[in-house]
Amino acid sequence: MGRVKPETAPGYTLTVQMRPRDVHFFITIMEGYSHLAFPAAVDPKAGLIVLHTTPGFFADLKKIVGELALETRILDDDVYLSKDLL
């Protein structure tokens, strides 16, 4: 039987950097917003988290991350890692 590769659903990825000691807490909080995003720790020792979301929730997700009482930085392709957060 042949296999059909599933089509990729449209989605967005938000990469967030924070202090490594805040990673577990951040992921726990974001798991509470499971309807908005799926969090994945890319490099916990560097404080890097990726949040997978849908186009409709992307703006809400950015707002929530920005309002958390943690020092976070939303990264994009043109931003390098900030050593002052590590």
N, C-alpha and C. Protein backbone atom coordinates (compact mmCIF):
# COMPACT_ATOMS: atom_id res chain seq x y z
N MET A 1 0.84 -1.16 0.00
CA MET A 1 0.00 0.00 0.00
C MET A 1 0.89 1.24 0.00
N GLY A 2 0.59 2.20 -0.84
CA GLY A 2 1.38 3.43 -0.91
C GLY A 2 1.08 4.37 0.25
N ARG A 3 2.03 5.19 0.50
CA ARG A 3 1.85 6.19 1.56
C ARG A 3 1.69 7.56 0.91
N VAL A 4 0.76 8.30 1.44
CA VAL A 4 0.53 9.65 0.96
C VAL A 4 1.02 10.61 2.04
N LYS A 5 1.91 11.47 1.66
CA LYS A 5 2.44 12.45 2.61
C LYS A 5 1.37 13.50 2.89
N PRO A 6 1.06 13.74 4.17
CA PRO A 6 0.02 14.74 4.48
C PRO A 6 0.50 16.14 4.13
N GLU A 7 -0.45 16.96 3.72
CA GLU A 7 -0.12 18.35 3.44
C GLU A 7 0.10 19.09 4.75
N THR A 8 1.00 20.02 4.72
CA THR A 8 1.28 20.82 5.90
C THR A 8 0.17 21.84 6.09
N ALA A 9 -0.37 21.88 7.29
CA ALA A 9 -1.40 22.87 7.59
C ALA A 9 -0.74 24.23 7.76
N PRO A 10 -1.47 25.28 7.37
CA PRO A 10 -0.88 26.61 7.57
C PRO A 10 -0.67 26.88 9.04
N GLY A 11 0.47 27.39 9.38
CA GLY A 11 0.77 27.66 10.78
C GLY A 11 1.86 28.68 10.93
N TYR A 12 2.06 29.09 12.12
CA TYR A 12 3.07 30.08 12.44
C TYR A 12 3.91 29.57 13.60
N THR A 13 5.14 30.02 13.64
CA THR A 13 6.05 29.65 14.72
C THR A 13 6.57 30.92 15.37
N LEU A 14 6.51 30.94 16.68
CA LEU A 14 7.02 32.07 17.44
C LEU A 14 8.18 31.55 18.28
N THR A 15 9.37 32.11 18.09
CA THR A 15 10.54 31.71 18.86
C THR A 15 10.76 32.72 19.97
N VAL A 16 10.89 32.20 21.19
CA VAL A 16 11.01 33.06 22.37
C VAL A 16 12.28 32.70 23.12
N GLN A 17 12.98 33.71 23.59
CA GLN A 17 14.17 33.50 24.42
C GLN A 17 13.89 34.05 25.81
N MET A 18 14.40 33.35 26.80
CA MET A 18 14.23 33.77 28.19
C MET A 18 15.40 33.24 29.00
N ARG A 19 15.41 33.54 30.27
CA ARG A 19 16.43 32.97 31.15
C ARG A 19 16.19 31.47 31.24
N PRO A 20 17.24 30.67 31.20
CA PRO A 20 17.06 29.22 31.28
C PRO A 20 16.27 28.77 32.50
N ARG A 21 16.41 29.45 33.61
CA ARG A 21 15.68 29.06 34.82
C ARG A 21 14.17 29.27 34.70
N ASP A 22 13.72 30.05 33.70
CA ASP A 22 12.30 30.32 33.51
C ASP A 22 11.63 29.38 32.50
N VAL A 23 12.40 28.53 31.84
CA VAL A 23 11.87 27.69 30.76
C VAL A 23 10.74 26.79 31.23
N HIS A 24 10.94 26.06 32.31
CA HIS A 24 9.91 25.12 32.78
C HIS A 24 8.62 25.86 33.14
N PHE A 25 8.74 26.96 33.85
CA PHE A 25 7.57 27.74 34.23
C PHE A 25 6.84 28.26 32.98
N PHE A 26 7.59 28.77 32.02
CA PHE A 26 6.99 29.30 30.79
C PHE A 26 6.23 28.21 30.04
N ILE A 27 6.85 27.05 29.88
CA ILE A 27 6.18 25.96 29.17
C ILE A 27 4.93 25.52 29.91
N THR A 28 4.98 25.47 31.24
CA THR A 28 3.81 25.10 32.03
C THR A 28 2.67 26.10 31.81
N ILE A 29 2.99 27.38 31.81
CA ILE A 29 1.97 28.41 31.56
C ILE A 29 1.40 28.24 30.15
N MET A 30 2.26 28.06 29.17
CA MET A 30 1.79 27.96 27.78
C MET A 30 0.97 26.69 27.54
N GLU A 31 1.24 25.63 28.28
CA GLU A 31 0.42 24.42 28.15
C GLU A 31 -1.01 24.70 28.59
N GLY A 32 -1.20 25.68 29.47
CA GLY A 32 -2.55 26.09 29.86
C GLY A 32 -3.29 26.79 28.73
N TYR A 33 -2.55 27.30 27.77
CA TYR A 33 -3.13 27.93 26.58
C TYR A 33 -3.05 26.96 25.40
N SER A 34 -3.35 25.70 25.65
CA SER A 34 -3.19 24.66 24.62
C SER A 34 -4.03 24.92 23.37
N HIS A 35 -5.08 25.71 23.51
CA HIS A 35 -5.89 26.03 22.34
C HIS A 35 -5.21 27.08 21.45
N LEU A 36 -4.18 27.75 21.98
CA LEU A 36 -3.48 28.78 21.22
C LEU A 36 -2.17 28.31 20.61
N ALA A 37 -1.44 27.47 21.34
CA ALA A 37 -0.11 27.11 20.86
C ALA A 37 0.37 25.80 21.46
N PHE A 38 1.32 25.20 20.75
CA PHE A 38 2.01 24.00 21.22
C PHE A 38 3.45 24.40 21.50
N PRO A 39 3.87 24.40 22.78
CA PRO A 39 5.24 24.81 23.10
C PRO A 39 6.23 23.66 22.95
N ALA A 40 7.44 23.99 22.51
CA ALA A 40 8.52 23.01 22.41
C ALA A 40 9.82 23.67 22.83
N ALA A 41 10.54 23.03 23.73
CA ALA A 41 11.83 23.55 24.19
C ALA A 41 12.89 23.15 23.17
N VAL A 42 13.38 24.11 22.43
CA VAL A 42 14.40 23.86 21.41
C VAL A 42 15.76 23.67 22.07
N ASP A 43 16.11 24.59 22.94
CA ASP A 43 17.38 24.53 23.67
C ASP A 43 17.16 25.14 25.05
N PRO A 44 16.69 24.33 26.01
CA PRO A 44 16.38 24.87 27.34
C PRO A 44 17.58 25.53 28.03
N LYS A 45 18.78 25.02 27.79
CA LYS A 45 19.97 25.61 28.42
C LYS A 45 20.26 27.01 27.90
N ALA A 46 19.80 27.30 26.69
CA ALA A 46 19.95 28.65 26.12
C ALA A 46 18.67 29.46 26.29
N GLY A 47 17.64 28.86 26.87
CA GLY A 47 16.38 29.56 27.08
C GLY A 47 15.55 29.73 25.83
N LEU A 48 15.70 28.84 24.85
CA LEU A 48 14.98 28.97 23.59
C LEU A 48 13.76 28.04 23.54
N ILE A 49 12.62 28.65 23.28
CA ILE A 49 11.35 27.94 23.18
C ILE A 49 10.71 28.29 21.85
N VAL A 50 10.08 27.32 21.22
CA VAL A 50 9.32 27.57 20.01
C VAL A 50 7.86 27.29 20.31
N LEU A 51 7.00 28.20 19.87
CA LEU A 51 5.56 28.03 20.03
C LEU A 51 4.95 27.88 18.65
N HIS A 52 4.30 26.75 18.41
CA HIS A 52 3.63 26.50 17.14
C HIS A 52 2.17 26.89 17.29
N THR A 53 1.67 27.69 16.37
CA THR A 53 0.30 28.17 16.45
C THR A 53 -0.31 28.26 15.06
N THR A 54 -1.52 28.74 14.98
CA THR A 54 -2.21 28.92 13.70
C THR A 54 -2.25 30.41 13.38
N PRO A 55 -2.46 30.75 12.12
CA PRO A 55 -2.50 32.18 11.75
C PRO A 55 -3.52 32.98 12.56
N GLY A 56 -4.65 32.39 12.87
CA GLY A 56 -5.69 33.10 13.60
C GLY A 56 -5.34 33.42 15.04
N PHE A 57 -4.42 32.69 15.63
CA PHE A 57 -4.06 32.90 17.03
C PHE A 57 -2.70 33.58 17.21
N PHE A 58 -2.00 33.84 16.12
CA PHE A 58 -0.63 34.37 16.21
C PHE A 58 -0.56 35.69 16.97
N ALA A 59 -1.43 36.63 16.65
CA ALA A 59 -1.42 37.94 17.33
C ALA A 59 -1.74 37.79 18.82
N ASP A 60 -2.72 36.95 19.14
CA ASP A 60 -3.07 36.72 20.55
C ASP A 60 -1.90 36.11 21.31
N LEU A 61 -1.22 35.18 20.68
CA LEU A 61 -0.09 34.52 21.32
C LEU A 61 1.03 35.52 21.61
N LYS A 62 1.35 36.37 20.64
CA LYS A 62 2.38 37.39 20.86
C LYS A 62 2.01 38.31 22.02
N LYS A 63 0.74 38.66 22.11
CA LYS A 63 0.29 39.54 23.19
C LYS A 63 0.43 38.86 24.55
N ILE A 64 0.03 37.59 24.63
CA ILE A 64 0.14 36.85 25.89
C ILE A 64 1.59 36.74 26.32
N VAL A 65 2.46 36.38 25.40
CA VAL A 65 3.89 36.25 25.74
C VAL A 65 4.44 37.59 26.22
N GLY A 66 4.03 38.67 25.59
CA GLY A 66 4.50 39.99 25.98
C GLY A 66 3.98 40.46 27.33
N GLU A 67 2.84 39.92 27.77
CA GLU A 67 2.23 40.33 29.03
C GLU A 67 2.66 39.48 30.22
N LEU A 68 3.34 38.38 29.99
CA LEU A 68 3.76 37.53 31.10
C LEU A 68 4.77 38.25 31.99
N ALA A 69 4.75 37.91 33.26
CA ALA A 69 5.67 38.54 34.22
C ALA A 69 7.03 37.85 34.20
N LEU A 70 7.50 37.54 33.01
CA LEU A 70 8.83 36.97 32.81
C LEU A 70 9.55 37.85 31.81
N GLU A 71 10.85 37.89 31.92
CA GLU A 71 11.63 38.63 30.93
C GLU A 71 11.80 37.72 29.72
N THR A 72 11.07 38.02 28.67
CA THR A 72 11.14 37.22 27.44
C THR A 72 11.48 38.14 26.28
N ARG A 73 11.97 37.52 25.24
CA ARG A 73 12.29 38.25 24.02
C ARG A 73 11.81 37.40 22.85
N ILE A 74 10.96 37.99 22.03
CA ILE A 74 10.49 37.30 20.84
C ILE A 74 11.54 37.49 19.75
N LEU A 75 12.01 36.38 19.21
CA LEU A 75 13.06 36.42 18.19
C LEU A 75 12.46 36.22 16.81
N ASP A 76 13.10 36.82 15.83
CA ASP A 76 12.76 36.52 14.45
C ASP A 76 14.05 36.17 13.73
N ASP A 77 13.98 35.95 12.44
CA ASP A 77 15.16 35.49 11.71
C ASP A 77 16.32 36.48 11.74
N ASP A 78 16.03 37.75 11.97
CA ASP A 78 17.07 38.77 11.94
C ASP A 78 17.63 39.11 13.31
N VAL A 79 17.16 38.45 14.34
CA VAL A 79 17.59 38.77 15.70
C VAL A 79 18.53 37.68 16.20
N TYR A 80 19.63 38.09 16.77
CA TYR A 80 20.58 37.13 17.33
C TYR A 80 20.30 36.95 18.81
N LEU A 81 20.79 35.88 19.37
CA LEU A 81 20.56 35.59 20.78
C LEU A 81 21.18 36.67 21.66
N SER A 82 20.43 37.04 22.65
CA SER A 82 20.87 38.07 23.59
C SER A 82 21.59 37.40 24.76
N LYS A 83 22.86 37.66 24.90
CA LYS A 83 23.64 37.06 25.98
C LYS A 83 23.24 37.62 27.35
N ASP A 84 22.61 38.80 27.38
CA ASP A 84 22.24 39.38 28.67
C ASP A 84 21.07 38.64 29.31
N LEU A 85 20.35 37.80 28.58
CA LEU A 85 19.27 37.01 29.16
C LEU A 85 19.78 35.69 29.72
N LEU A 86 20.98 35.29 29.35
CA LEU A 86 21.48 33.98 29.76
C LEU A 86 22.14 34.01 31.10
